[in-house]
Protein backbone atom coordinates (compact mmCIF):
# COMPACT_ATOMS: atom_id res chain seq x y z
CA UNK A 1 391.65 253.51 71.36
CA UNK A 2 388.63 252.10 73.40
CA UNK A 3 385.67 251.07 71.68
CA UNK A 4 383.30 253.36 73.16
CA UNK A 5 385.27 256.44 72.15
CA UNK A 6 385.50 255.05 68.30
CA UNK A 7 381.77 254.78 68.65
CA UNK A 8 381.45 258.51 69.84
CA UNK A 9 384.06 259.74 66.92
CA UNK A 10 382.43 257.81 64.77
CA UNK A 11 378.99 259.79 65.73
CA UNK A 12 380.33 263.25 65.52
CA UNK A 13 381.70 261.91 62.19
CA UNK A 14 378.39 260.97 60.65
CA UNK A 15 376.31 264.15 62.26
CA UNK A 16 378.92 266.27 60.66
CA UNK A 17 378.60 264.23 57.22
CA UNK A 18 374.74 264.40 57.34
CA UNK A 19 375.26 268.20 57.35
CA UNK A 20 377.50 268.33 54.40
CA UNK A 21 375.06 265.42 52.53
CA UNK A 22 371.92 267.46 52.95
CA UNK A 23 372.07 270.11 50.53
CA UNK A 24 373.06 268.06 47.48
CA UNK A 25 370.39 266.61 45.26
CA UNK A 26 367.53 268.61 46.64
CA UNK A 27 365.27 270.57 43.89
CA UNK A 28 362.30 273.20 44.76
CA UNK A 29 359.26 272.94 42.85
CA UNK A 30 360.54 276.30 41.40
CA UNK A 31 363.76 274.65 39.72
CA UNK A 32 361.73 271.64 38.34
CA UNK A 33 358.15 273.62 37.59
CA UNK A 34 355.97 271.64 39.39
CA UNK A 35 353.22 273.04 41.15
CA UNK A 36 353.30 273.71 44.80
CA UNK A 37 350.75 272.99 47.33
CA UNK A 38 348.67 274.84 49.33
CA UNK A 39 350.62 276.08 52.18
CA UNK A 40 353.68 274.77 51.20
CA UNK A 41 357.29 276.47 51.96
CA UNK A 42 358.64 278.02 48.72
CA UNK A 43 362.20 275.98 49.88
CA UNK A 44 360.39 272.49 50.32
CA UNK A 45 362.29 269.70 48.04
CA UNK A 46 360.30 268.22 45.40
CA UNK A 47 361.02 264.80 46.51
CA UNK A 48 362.75 264.15 49.63
CA UNK A 49 364.80 260.62 49.32
CA UNK A 50 365.86 259.77 53.62
CA UNK A 51 367.19 256.64 52.22
CA UNK A 52 369.97 258.14 49.87
CA UNK A 53 370.72 260.50 52.49
CA UNK A 54 371.65 258.16 55.00
CA UNK A 55 373.64 255.76 52.65
CA UNK A 56 375.34 259.04 51.12
CA UNK A 57 375.94 259.82 54.53
CA UNK A 58 377.21 256.56 55.92
CA UNK A 59 379.30 256.56 53.19
CA UNK A 60 380.95 259.28 53.90
CA UNK A 61 381.30 259.01 57.71
CA UNK A 62 382.98 255.68 57.16
CA UNK A 63 385.50 257.11 54.84
CA UNK A 64 386.24 260.04 57.13
CA UNK A 65 386.86 258.25 60.03
CA UNK A 66 388.76 255.56 58.38
CA UNK A 67 391.57 258.22 57.54
CA UNK A 68 391.29 259.68 60.87
CA UNK A 69 392.00 256.75 62.52
CA UNK A 70 394.47 255.42 60.14
CA UNK A 71 396.20 259.01 60.55
CA UNK A 72 395.86 258.29 64.78
CA UNK A 73 397.57 254.91 64.63
CA UNK A 74 400.37 255.69 62.22
CA UNK A 75 400.70 259.44 63.19
CA UNK A 76 400.67 260.74 59.93
CA UNK A 77 399.59 264.57 60.94
CA UNK A 78 400.11 265.18 64.74
CA UNK A 79 399.55 268.25 66.84
CA UNK A 80 403.31 269.04 66.20
CA UNK A 81 402.60 269.23 62.75
CA UNK A 82 400.04 271.66 63.06
CA UNK A 83 400.86 274.21 65.26
CA UNK A 84 401.59 277.01 63.45
CA UNK A 85 402.42 280.03 66.17
CA UNK A 86 404.22 277.64 68.21
CA UNK A 87 401.77 277.42 71.23
CA UNK A 88 403.02 273.78 72.39
CA UNK A 89 406.35 275.64 73.23
CA UNK A 90 404.77 278.86 75.05
CA UNK A 91 402.60 276.09 77.29
CA UNK A 92 405.39 274.34 78.12
CA UNK A 93 407.73 277.31 78.97
CA UNK A 94 405.09 278.03 82.11
């Protein structure tokens, strides 16, 4: 696998991980009982910690990418393993 492919796939894992991590640990003003500022959205978080989100996203993306890369090199799960409907065989018959 080329290093450019490694970077591109890792970035995809990182973005996906960011969307998974973002909802965790967020508390609204209604949940904490604190007073809202005038003009503030109802669902705005009380304290958003971007450093924590970046750290957790990077950890999750790195772990997921390592599993992906080991699967890619060792071929634990291949396309043939998850082809439940025999679509590869139908494509080869054409």
